[in-house]
Every structure is written in structure tokens, then in C-alpha cells.
Protein backbone atom coordinates (compact mmCIF):
# COMPACT_ATOMS: atom_id res chain seq x y z
CA MET A 1 0.32 0.11 0.06
CA SER A 2 1.52 3.14 -1.02
CA LEU A 3 0.82 6.57 0.41
CA SER A 4 -0.78 7.67 -2.71
CA ASP A 5 -3.26 4.97 -2.16
CA LEU A 6 -4.69 7.15 0.75
CA PRO A 7 -7.18 10.19 0.50
CA ALA A 8 -5.38 13.50 1.31
CA ILE A 9 -5.77 14.14 5.03
CA LYS A 10 -7.48 17.56 5.41
CA PRO A 11 -9.63 18.87 8.22
CA THR A 12 -13.19 19.23 7.64
CA LYS A 13 -15.15 22.26 8.38
CA GLY A 14 -16.99 20.18 11.16
CA ALA A 15 -13.43 19.29 13.00
CA LEU A 16 -12.34 23.14 12.55
CA PHE A 17 -15.63 24.01 13.80
CA LEU A 18 -15.34 21.59 16.79
CA SER A 19 -11.74 22.59 17.60
CA ALA A 20 -12.57 26.42 17.74
CA THR A 21 -15.58 25.78 19.63
CA ALA A 22 -13.33 23.71 22.37
CA LEU A 23 -10.68 26.60 22.20
CA ALA A 24 -13.42 29.21 22.95
CA THR A 25 -15.21 27.23 25.65
CA MET A 26 -11.50 26.80 27.26
CA VAL A 27 -10.56 30.48 27.10
CA PHE A 28 -14.21 31.25 28.59
CA PHE A 29 -13.72 29.14 31.42
CA TYR A 30 -10.58 30.42 31.99
CA THR A 31 -11.26 34.07 32.10
CA GLN A 32 -14.46 33.28 34.14
CA ARG A 33 -12.26 31.67 36.76
CA LYS A 34 -9.64 34.03 36.64
CA GLU A 35 -12.56 36.85 37.46
CA ASN A 36 -13.62 34.84 40.20
CA ASP A 37 -10.42 34.64 41.98
CA LEU A 38 -10.05 38.53 41.88
CA LYS A 39 -13.53 38.88 43.25
CA SER A 40 -12.77 36.40 46.17
CA SER A 41 -9.43 37.86 47.03
CA LYS A 42 -11.11 41.49 47.59
CA LYS A 43 -13.12 39.77 50.08
């Protein structure tokens, strides 16, 4: 089996969308936690 037999590996729009959504979710939770830490430290 040669490499030319394999289909060209390209990320589908669905995969890109999923990874972008996961990244955005991680960033969102990270910033939320940072804000909560700042609020709790002011008490």
C-alpha cells in the first residue's frame, strides 16, 4: 500500500468548528475563573 492510495488528509469544516468551539470554551472558563479569583481575593 502506497501513500498515494490514501486520501489526502484535510481537516473538515466540522473538525475545525469543533476545535474552535473547544478553544473558545476553554478560554471562556479560564477568564471566568480568573475573575472569580479576583473577586474572592478582594473580600
